[in-house]
């Protein structure tokens, strides 16, 4: 979707360093997005996040944590909203 930001880098946030946060070294963590995921409009996915296969991320979400396959997530920060039940063939609200 449009306006999606997926980033694997962020500045360090150690308040004991004398320099500005913007001047601190970048820290890199991989981002992994499983097969068949649906990422909505204007989603932000931050460093270190893993989304399992077939996850759905609602528009405008900020994903700061990892979620297992067949999860539906949304919000700021993103939280688990539903999971897919393969036995019942339907999404179940938590």
Protein backbone atom coordinates (compact mmCIF):
# COMPACT_ATOMS: atom_id res chain seq x y z
CA UNK A 1 0.00 0.00 0.00
CA UNK A 2 1.09 3.61 -0.30
CA UNK A 3 2.88 5.51 2.45
CA UNK A 4 4.34 2.40 4.09
CA UNK A 5 7.66 2.81 5.95
CA UNK A 6 9.73 -0.28 6.74
CA UNK A 7 13.00 0.55 8.45
CA UNK A 8 15.80 -1.61 9.80
CA UNK A 9 17.77 1.26 11.33
CA UNK A 10 17.34 3.69 14.20
CA UNK A 11 19.57 6.08 16.14
CA UNK A 12 20.71 4.97 19.57
CA UNK A 13 18.83 6.50 22.50
CA UNK A 14 21.38 6.41 25.30
CA UNK A 15 20.83 9.64 27.33
CA UNK A 16 24.31 9.35 28.89
CA UNK A 17 26.04 10.09 25.57
CA UNK A 18 26.99 13.78 25.34
CA UNK A 19 26.12 14.17 21.65
CA UNK A 20 22.70 14.73 20.17
CA UNK A 21 20.57 11.63 19.56
CA UNK A 22 20.66 12.48 15.85
CA UNK A 23 24.47 12.20 15.98
CA UNK A 24 24.59 8.78 17.66
CA UNK A 25 25.53 5.76 15.55
CA UNK A 26 22.73 3.95 13.76
CA UNK A 27 21.68 0.60 15.18
CA UNK A 28 20.50 -1.97 12.62
CA UNK A 29 18.08 -4.86 13.24
CA UNK A 30 16.53 -6.94 10.46
CA UNK A 31 12.84 -6.77 9.55
CA UNK A 32 11.20 -9.98 8.31
CA UNK A 33 7.81 -10.05 6.60
CA UNK A 34 6.30 -13.48 5.95
CA UNK A 35 4.69 -14.70 2.76
CA UNK A 36 1.30 -13.32 1.81
CA UNK A 37 1.13 -10.49 4.36
CA UNK A 38 -1.19 -7.55 3.75
CA UNK A 39 0.25 -4.22 4.90
CA UNK A 40 -2.32 -1.37 4.96
CA UNK A 41 -1.90 2.30 4.02
CA UNK A 42 0.56 4.44 6.02
CA UNK A 43 1.87 1.59 8.19
CA UNK A 44 5.25 1.97 9.93
CA UNK A 45 7.27 -1.15 10.72
CA UNK A 46 10.25 -0.59 13.00
CA UNK A 47 13.63 -2.37 13.32
CA UNK A 48 13.67 -5.94 14.63
CA UNK A 49 10.03 -6.79 13.77
CA UNK A 50 9.06 -10.17 12.35
CA UNK A 51 5.60 -10.74 10.88
CA UNK A 52 4.66 -14.37 10.28
CA UNK A 53 3.02 -15.58 7.08
CA UNK A 54 -0.39 -14.17 6.08
CA UNK A 55 -0.49 -11.41 8.72
CA UNK A 56 -2.76 -8.41 8.17
CA UNK A 57 -1.64 -4.98 9.41
CA UNK A 58 -4.41 -2.38 9.56
CA UNK A 59 -3.93 1.04 7.99
CA UNK A 60 -2.03 3.56 10.12
CA UNK A 61 -0.54 0.98 12.49
CA UNK A 62 2.91 1.39 14.00
CA UNK A 63 4.38 -2.09 14.38
CA UNK A 64 7.03 -2.19 17.12
CA UNK A 65 6.70 -5.86 18.14
CA UNK A 66 6.71 -9.18 16.27
CA UNK A 67 3.55 -11.21 15.59
CA UNK A 68 3.03 -14.86 14.63
CA UNK A 69 1.55 -16.13 11.37
CA UNK A 70 -2.17 -15.55 10.75
CA UNK A 71 -2.38 -12.51 13.05
CA UNK A 72 -4.43 -9.37 12.45
CA UNK A 73 -2.86 -6.34 14.14
CA UNK A 74 -3.57 -2.62 14.37
CA UNK A 75 -3.13 0.51 16.43
CA UNK A 76 -0.33 2.69 17.75
CA UNK A 77 1.56 0.74 18.86
CA UNK A 78 0.12 -2.25 17.02
CA UNK A 79 -1.59 -4.90 19.15
CA UNK A 80 -3.00 -8.31 18.29
CA UNK A 81 -6.68 -7.95 17.31
CA UNK A 82 -7.57 -11.33 15.79
CA UNK A 83 -6.03 -14.68 14.92
CA UNK A 84 -7.17 -17.07 12.23
CA UNK A 85 -8.68 -20.36 13.45
CA UNK A 86 -7.93 -22.99 10.80
CA UNK A 87 -10.39 -25.49 12.29
CA UNK A 88 -13.34 -23.07 12.15
CA UNK A 89 -12.09 -21.27 9.00
CA UNK A 90 -12.64 -17.83 10.52
CA UNK A 91 -10.90 -14.93 12.22
CA UNK A 92 -11.42 -14.86 15.99
CA UNK A 93 -11.30 -11.68 18.05
CA UNK A 94 -9.20 -11.90 21.19
